[in-house]
Amino acid sequence: MINGTAFRIFRSKTKTTGSYLLLRFVLCFACALLGFLAVSQYKSLQKTPEEKFIEGKTTDELSNDYITLYNKNLALVDRNGQLTKNASDLDAARNGDAELQTILLDEAAAARRQAGLLEVSGNGISVVITPDEKVPITSNMLIQFVNEIKAADALAISINDQRVVPMTEIRDTVSGFSVNGEQFSYASPITILARGNGVDMYSALQMVGGVLDKWAQSHIDVHVDIVGNLTVPALGEKQQEEMSLAFFSIDKTTPVPARATDPK
């Protein structure tokens, strides 16, 4: 009798344990299923960069974006063709010192223009920003503007006659901002010149969600003109000296002259 009772108790406990394990398994499976469904739903709500790019745009705006991208593609194809031609010219001129020298001098001049050491002339855009005490133009706003036209393949840029190069610093000051160490007041107009395809740069600035769209919401007075011929100035001598990396190119094996000391 005792053995039968013990067996029934054991059997009851086994059933209880089995039911408990089954319940835990069902709960774990349900949680995993819910987690999978939640992750799948989250991923389905995430938009691709392409979807974000076209979101909220009209057919005309998408057409303008397509034209801009198409023109950029043409410019890249032209640039690729030019580089291929330059490579062919260099290969053909290997035995001709005079021709090779001409090619290298042209490349050197192009590099100097790109580095901001020479002025650049041609078509582009002229931007005039009229100051407003209520909405001052900060350095961050100028940097965003410069990045916007750089993305539209601007070949050269200047802010208030200060050439913008990779080492240019645009900072806020107490009464305005500075470019390449030259300070400007918030109360003075800001003139930005950009050499490049004026239509492409103007279209890029006019895009929905772009810099000008955001500035228009803040009622900032900006006037943009497509100019057939403008000149972006070169870096000033002072700025060239401050940005020079000549010190870092000195051969470290060359002894540095000792500084003269005053005799006591």
Foldseek 3Di string as FASTA:
>chain_A
DVVVVVVVVVVVVVVVVVVVVVVVVVVVVVVVVVVVVVVVVVVVPDDDPVCVQCPPDDPVLVVLVVVLVVVVVVVVVVVVVVVVVLVVQCVVCVVPPVSNVVSVVVVVVLVCVQQQVAKDKFWAKKKKWAFDPVDFQALVLVVLLVVLLVVSVFSWKDKPLATDHPPWDWHADPAHIDILRRDDGSNDMIMMTTHDPHVSSVSSCPRVPGSVNVVVVVVTDMDMDTGGMDMRHGHDPVSCVVPDPVVVVDDPVDDDDDDDDDDD
